[in-house]
PDB file of N, CA and C in Angstrom:
ATOM      1  N   UNK A   1      13.415  44.331 262.597  1.00  0.00           N
ATOM      2  CA  UNK A   1      12.699  43.080 262.417  1.00  0.00           C
ATOM      3  C   UNK A   1      12.647  42.323 263.740  1.00  0.00           C
ATOM      4  N   UNK A   2      11.594  41.574 263.879  1.00  0.00           N
ATOM      5  CA  UNK A   2      11.486  40.731 265.059  1.00  0.00           C
ATOM      6  C   UNK A   2      12.377  39.506 264.873  1.00  0.00           C
ATOM      7  N   UNK A   3      12.476  38.703 265.872  1.00  0.00           N
ATOM      8  CA  UNK A   3      13.298  37.500 265.786  1.00  0.00           C
ATOM      9  C   UNK A   3      12.856  36.607 264.631  1.00  0.00           C
ATOM     10  N   UNK A   4      11.577  36.656 264.310  1.00  0.00           N
ATOM     11  CA  UNK A   4      11.049  35.838 263.212  1.00  0.00           C
ATOM     12  C   UNK A   4      11.279  36.489 261.851  1.00  0.00           C
ATOM     13  N   UNK A   5      11.891  37.683 261.836  1.00  0.00           N
ATOM     14  CA  UNK A   5      12.172  38.362 260.571  1.00  0.00           C
ATOM     15  C   UNK A   5      11.011  39.166 260.023  1.00  0.00           C
ATOM     16  N   UNK A   6       9.987  39.363 260.827  1.00  0.00           N
ATOM     17  CA  UNK A   6       8.842  40.150 260.378  1.00  0.00           C
ATOM     18  C   UNK A   6       8.944  41.567 260.940  1.00  0.00           C
ATOM     19  N   UNK A   7       8.399  42.547 260.239  1.00  0.00           N
ATOM     20  CA  UNK A   7       8.456  43.919 260.744  1.00  0.00           C
ATOM     21  C   UNK A   7       7.624  44.080 262.020  1.00  0.00           C
ATOM     22  N   UNK A   8       8.025  45.044 262.842  1.00  0.00           N
ATOM     23  CA  UNK A   8       7.267  45.332 264.054  1.00  0.00           C
ATOM     24  C   UNK A   8       5.905  45.951 263.737  1.00  0.00           C
ATOM     25  N   UNK A   9       5.868  46.747 262.669  1.00  0.00           N
ATOM     26  CA  UNK A   9       4.633  47.449 262.302  1.00  0.00           C
ATOM     27  C   UNK A   9       4.336  47.264 260.821  1.00  0.00           C
ATOM     28  N   UNK A  10       3.067  47.094 260.520  1.00  0.00           N
ATOM     29  CA  UNK A  10       2.568  47.104 259.148  1.00  0.00           C
ATOM     30  C   UNK A  10       1.561  48.238 259.063  1.00  0.00           C
ATOM     31  N   UNK A  11       1.770  49.136 258.117  1.00  0.00           N
ATOM     32  CA  UNK A  11       0.869  50.270 257.927  1.00  0.00           C
ATOM     33  C   UNK A  11       0.201  50.105 256.574  1.00  0.00           C
ATOM     34  N   UNK A  12      -1.114  50.136 256.562  1.00  0.00           N
ATOM     35  CA  UNK A  12      -1.872  50.020 255.312  1.00  0.00           C
ATOM     36  C   UNK A  12      -2.440  51.392 254.977  1.00  0.00           C
ATOM     37  N   UNK A  13      -2.126  51.864 253.773  1.00  0.00           N
ATOM     38  CA  UNK A  13      -2.585  53.183 253.326  1.00  0.00           C
ATOM     39  C   UNK A  13      -3.468  53.007 252.094  1.00  0.00           C
ATOM     40  N   UNK A  14      -4.748  53.335 252.197  1.00  0.00           N
ATOM     41  CA  UNK A  14      -5.606  53.274 251.016  1.00  0.00           C
ATOM     42  C   UNK A  14      -5.255  54.411 250.059  1.00  0.00           C
ATOM     43  N   UNK A  15      -5.282  54.103 248.783  1.00  0.00           N
ATOM     44  CA  UNK A  15      -4.925  55.090 247.758  1.00  0.00           C
ATOM     45  C   UNK A  15      -6.077  55.178 246.767  1.00  0.00           C
ATOM     46  N   UNK A  16      -6.674  56.362 246.672  1.00  0.00           N
ATOM     47  CA  UNK A  16      -7.740  56.576 245.695  1.00  0.00           C
ATOM     48  C   UNK A  16      -7.628  58.000 245.154  1.00  0.00           C
ATOM     49  N   UNK A  17      -7.238  58.104 243.904  1.00  0.00           N
ATOM     50  CA  UNK A  17      -7.114  59.399 243.225  1.00  0.00           C
ATOM     51  C   UNK A  17      -6.399  60.428 244.113  1.00  0.00           C
ATOM     52  N   UNK A  18      -5.237  60.051 244.585  1.00  0.00           N
ATOM     53  CA  UNK A  18      -4.502  60.907 245.514  1.00  0.00           C
ATOM     54  C   UNK A  18      -3.079  61.197 245.024  1.00  0.00           C
ATOM     55  N   UNK A  19      -2.930  61.336 243.727  1.00  0.00           N
ATOM     56  CA  UNK A  19      -1.599  61.541 243.170  1.00  0.00           C
ATOM     57  C   UNK A  19      -0.887  62.767 243.739  1.00  0.00           C
ATOM     58  N   UNK A  20      -1.627  63.750 244.187  1.00  0.00           N
ATOM     59  CA  UNK A  20      -1.004  64.970 244.708  1.00  0.00           C
ATOM     60  C   UNK A  20      -0.420  64.799 246.108  1.00  0.00           C
ATOM     61  N   UNK A  21      -0.857  63.766 246.846  1.00  0.00           N
ATOM     62  CA  UNK A  21      -0.393  63.626 248.231  1.00  0.00           C
ATOM     63  C   UNK A  21       0.210  62.266 248.564  1.00  0.00           C
ATOM     64  N   UNK A  22       0.088  61.297 247.680  1.00  0.00           N
ATOM     65  CA  UNK A  22       0.477  59.942 248.049  1.00  0.00           C
ATOM     66  C   UNK A  22       1.977  59.808 248.289  1.00  0.00           C
ATOM     67  N   UNK A  23       2.819  60.419 247.486  1.00  0.00           N
ATOM     68  CA  UNK A  23       4.268  60.310 247.687  1.00  0.00           C
ATOM     69  C   UNK A  23       4.664  60.893 249.048  1.00  0.00           C
ATOM     70  N   UNK A  24       4.179  62.077 249.348  1.00  0.00           N
ATOM     71  CA  UNK A  24       4.506  62.711 250.619  1.00  0.00           C
ATOM     72  C   UNK A  24       3.989  61.882 251.798  1.00  0.00           C
ATOM     73  N   UNK A  25       2.816  61.307 251.649  1.00  0.00           N
ATOM     74  CA  UNK A  25       2.260  60.465 252.713  1.00  0.00           C
ATOM     75  C   UNK A  25       3.158  59.262 252.970  1.00  0.00           C
ATOM     76  N   UNK A  26       3.610  58.612 251.917  1.00  0.00           N
ATOM     77  CA  UNK A  26       4.498  57.461 252.067  1.00  0.00           C
ATOM     78  C   UNK A  26       5.835  57.871 252.687  1.00  0.00           C
ATOM     79  N   UNK A  27       6.394  58.987 252.219  1.00  0.00           N
ATOM     80  CA  UNK A  27       7.676  59.461 252.757  1.00  0.00           C
ATOM     81  C   UNK A  27       7.568  59.818 254.232  1.00  0.00           C
ATOM     82  N   UNK A  28       6.546  60.559 254.598  1.00  0.00           N
ATOM     83  CA  UNK A  28       6.384  60.973 256.001  1.00  0.00           C
ATOM     84  C   UNK A  28       6.141  59.782 256.921  1.00  0.00           C
ATOM     85  N   UNK A  29       5.355  58.832 256.453  1.00  0.00           N
ATOM     86  CA  UNK A  29       5.082  57.644 257.260  1.00  0.00           C
ATOM     87  C   UNK A  29       6.374  56.857 257.476  1.00  0.00           C
ATOM     88  N   UNK A  30       7.140  56.682 256.419  1.00  0.00           N
ATOM     89  CA  UNK A  30       8.404  55.964 256.529  1.00  0.00           C
ATOM     90  C   UNK A  30       9.380  56.688 257.448  1.00  0.00           C
ATOM     91  N   UNK A  31       9.496  58.000 257.304  1.00  0.00           N
ATOM     92  CA  UNK A  31      10.397  58.781 258.169  1.00  0.00           C
ATOM     93  C   UNK A  31       9.995  58.674 259.638  1.00  0.00           C
ATOM     94  N   UNK A  32       8.702  58.764 259.904  1.00  0.00           N
ATOM     95  CA  UNK A  32       8.209  58.680 261.273  1.00  0.00           C
ATOM     96  C   UNK A  32       8.613  57.352 261.916  1.00  0.00           C
ATOM     97  N   UNK A  33       8.326  56.266 261.230  1.00  0.00           N
ATOM     98  CA  UNK A  33       8.634  54.948 261.781  1.00  0.00           C
ATOM     99  C   UNK A  33      10.142  54.732 261.909  1.00  0.00           C
ATOM    100  N   UNK A  34      10.883  55.133 260.896  1.00  0.00           N
ATOM    101  CA  UNK A  34      12.342  54.971 260.918  1.00  0.00           C
ATOM    102  C   UNK A  34      12.988  55.806 262.012  1.00  0.00           C
ATOM    103  N   UNK A  35      12.474  57.003 262.237  1.00  0.00           N
ATOM    104  CA  UNK A  35      13.074  57.890 263.237  1.00  0.00           C
ATOM    105  C   UNK A  35      12.967  57.312 264.647  1.00  0.00           C
ATOM    106  N   UNK A  36      12.059  56.396 264.830  1.00  0.00           N
ATOM    107  CA  UNK A  36      11.897  55.756 266.127  1.00  0.00           C
ATOM    108  C   UNK A  36      12.589  54.400 266.189  1.00  0.00           C
ATOM    109  N   UNK A  37      13.226  54.037 265.085  1.00  0.00           N
ATOM    110  CA  UNK A  37      13.944  52.777 265.048  1.00  0.00           C
ATOM    111  C   UNK A  37      13.066  51.554 264.914  1.00  0.00           C
ATOM    112  N   UNK A  38      11.847  51.750 264.468  1.00  0.00           N
ATOM    113  CA  UNK A  38      10.906  50.647 264.339  1.00  0.00           C
ATOM    114  C   UNK A  38      11.009  50.011 262.950  1.00  0.00           C
ATOM    115  N   UNK A  39      11.123  48.711 262.906  1.00  0.00           N
ATOM    116  CA  UNK A  39      11.069  48.029 261.616  1.00  0.00           C
ATOM    117  C   UNK A  39       9.620  48.056 261.136  1.00  0.00           C
ATOM    118  N   UNK A  40       9.465  48.190 259.825  1.00  0.00           N
ATOM    119  CA  UNK A  40       8.105  48.382 259.319  1.00  0.00           C
ATOM    120  C   UNK A  40       7.979  47.994 257.853  1.00  0.00           C
ATOM    121  N   UNK A  41       6.737  47.865 257.457  1.00  0.00           N
ATOM    122  CA  UNK A  41       6.378  47.754 256.047  1.00  0.00           C
ATOM    123  C   UNK A  41       5.191  48.690 255.839  1.00  0.00           C
ATOM    124  N   UNK A  42       5.147  49.280 254.654  1.00  0.00           N
ATOM    125  CA  UNK A  42       4.041  50.163 254.303  1.00  0.00           C
ATOM    126  C   UNK A  42       3.368  49.557 253.077  1.00  0.00           C
ATOM    127  N   UNK A  43       2.100  49.265 253.222  1.00  0.00           N
ATOM    128  CA  UNK A  43       1.335  48.622 252.155  1.00  0.00           C
ATOM    129  C   UNK A  43       0.350  49.640 251.605  1.00  0.00           C
ATOM    130  N   UNK A  44       0.512  49.993 250.345  1.00  0.00           N
ATOM    131  CA  UNK A  44      -0.403  50.924 249.682  1.00  0.00           C
ATOM    132  C   UNK A  44      -1.400  50.102 248.866  1.00  0.00           C
ATOM    133  N   UNK A  45      -2.681  50.342 249.099  1.00  0.00           N
ATOM    134  CA  UNK A  45      -3.737  49.591 248.423  1.00  0.00           C
ATOM    135  C   UNK A  45      -4.471  50.536 247.480  1.00  0.00           C
ATOM    136  N   UNK A  46      -4.311  50.290 246.195  1.00  0.00           N
ATOM    137  CA  UNK A  46      -4.987  51.113 245.198  1.00  0.00           C
ATOM    138  C   UNK A  46      -6.448  50.679 245.105  1.00  0.00           C
ATOM    139  N   UNK A  47      -7.332  51.639 245.245  1.00  0.00           N
ATOM    140  CA  UNK A  47      -8.764  51.345 245.244  1.00  0.00           C
ATOM    141  C   UNK A  47      -9.430  51.884 243.982  1.00  0.00           C
ATOM    142  N   UNK A  48      -8.843  51.567 242.841  1.00  0.00           N
ATOM    143  CA  UNK A  48      -9.439  51.947 241.568  1.00  0.00           C
ATOM    144  C   UNK A  48      -9.150  53.368 241.120  1.00  0.00           C
ATOM    145  N   UNK A  49      -8.001  53.890 241.512  1.00  0.00           N
ATOM    146  CA  UNK A  49      -7.643  55.256 241.110  1.00  0.00           C
ATOM    147  C   UNK A  49      -7.643  55.399 239.597  1.00  0.00           C
ATOM    148  N   UNK A  50      -8.075  56.562 239.157  1.00  0.00           N
ATOM    149  CA  UNK A  50      -8.083  56.839 237.713  1.00  0.00           C
ATOM    150  C   UNK A  50      -7.098  57.935 237.357  1.00  0.00           C
ATOM    151  N   UNK A  51      -6.326  58.382 238.355  1.00  0.00           N
ATOM    152  CA  UNK A  51      -5.282  59.368 238.084  1.00  0.00           C
ATOM    153  C   UNK A  51      -3.929  58.647 238.100  1.00  0.00           C
ATOM    154  N   UNK A  52      -2.867  59.336 238.314  1.00  0.00           N
ATOM    155  CA  UNK A  52      -1.533  58.730 238.284  1.00  0.00           C
ATOM    156  C   UNK A  52      -1.060  58.208 239.624  1.00  0.00           C
ATOM    157  N   UNK A  53      -1.975  57.990 240.548  1.00  0.00           N
ATOM    158  CA  UNK A  53      -1.597  57.554 241.893  1.00  0.00           C
ATOM    159  C   UNK A  53      -0.751  56.286 241.874  1.00  0.00           C
ATOM    160  N   UNK A  54      -1.180  55.299 241.127  1.00  0.00           N
ATOM    161  CA  UNK A  54      -0.473  54.027 241.181  1.00  0.00           C
ATOM    162  C   UNK A  54       0.926  54.121 240.605  1.00  0.00           C
ATOM    163  N   UNK A  55       1.145  54.915 239.605  1.00  0.00           N
ATOM    164  CA  UNK A  55       2.494  55.102 239.066  1.00  0.00           C
ATOM    165  C   UNK A  55       3.410  55.704 240.121  1.00  0.00           C
ATOM    166  N   UNK A  56       2.885  56.619 240.899  1.00  0.00           N
ATOM    167  CA  UNK A  56       3.657  57.254 241.966  1.00  0.00           C
ATOM    168  C   UNK A  56       3.977  56.242 243.061  1.00  0.00           C
ATOM    169  N   UNK A  57       3.012  55.428 243.423  1.00  0.00           N
ATOM    170  CA  UNK A  57       3.240  54.390 244.434  1.00  0.00           C
ATOM    171  C   UNK A  57       4.294  53.395 243.942  1.00  0.00           C
ATOM    172  N   UNK A  58       4.186  52.978 242.704  1.00  0.00           N
ATOM    173  CA  UNK A  58       5.147  52.016 242.150  1.00  0.00           C
ATOM    174  C   UNK A  58       6.564  52.592 242.173  1.00  0.00           C
ATOM    175  N   UNK A  59       6.714  53.850 241.842  1.00  0.00           N
ATOM    176  CA  UNK A  59       8.028  54.502 241.881  1.00  0.00           C
ATOM    177  C   UNK A  59       8.522  54.599 243.311  1.00  0.00           C
ATOM    178  N   UNK A  60       7.637  54.962 244.219  1.00  0.00           N
ATOM    179  CA  UNK A  60       8.004  55.069 245.636  1.00  0.00           C
ATOM    180  C   UNK A  60       8.451  53.721 246.186  1.00  0.00           C
ATOM    181  N   UNK A  61       7.831  52.640 245.724  1.00  0.00           N
ATOM    182  CA  UNK A  61       8.194  51.311 246.212  1.00  0.00           C
ATOM    183  C   UNK A  61       9.633  50.958 245.832  1.00  0.00           C
ATOM    184  N   UNK A  62      10.115  51.507 244.748  1.00  0.00           N
ATOM    185  CA  UNK A  62      11.506  51.275 244.349  1.00  0.00           C
ATOM    186  C   UNK A  62      12.482  52.177 245.096  1.00  0.00           C
ATOM    187  N   UNK A  63      11.991  53.291 245.621  1.00  0.00           N
ATOM    188  CA  UNK A  63      12.871  54.295 246.191  1.00  0.00           C
ATOM    189  C   UNK A  63      12.813  54.427 247.722  1.00  0.00           C
ATOM    190  N   UNK A  64      11.719  54.038 248.328  1.00  0.00           N
ATOM    191  CA  UNK A  64      11.554  54.196 249.774  1.00  0.00           C
ATOM    192  C   UNK A  64      11.568  52.807 250.411  1.00  0.00           C
ATOM    193  N   UNK A  65      12.567  52.536 251.245  1.00  0.00           N
ATOM    194  CA  UNK A  65      12.624  51.212 251.881  1.00  0.00           C
ATOM    195  C   UNK A  65      11.356  50.924 252.692  1.00  0.00           C
ATOM    196  N   UNK A  66      10.865  49.723 252.560  1.00  0.00           N
ATOM    197  CA  UNK A  66       9.705  49.302 253.335  1.00  0.00           C
ATOM    198  C   UNK A  66       8.376  49.489 252.648  1.00  0.00           C
ATOM    199  N   UNK A  67       8.356  50.218 251.531  1.00  0.00           N
ATOM    200  CA  UNK A  67       7.103  50.411 250.808  1.00  0.00           C
ATOM    201  C   UNK A  67       6.928  49.255 249.833  1.00  0.00           C
TER     202      UNK A  67
END
């Protein structure tokens, strides 16, 4: 976090009918940023998915720090 308590990086990931890849995308993005010691937040934006994408994102938000 910066001195103001905000993350150094904000990553916005659009989510549309991507249940097969969204969890891995969130995990890899988080690992990449964390491995460099960068504070971050990952914002997933659901764009009207009709599959189980949002359920996966919601679960990931509870399990992956910064999501």
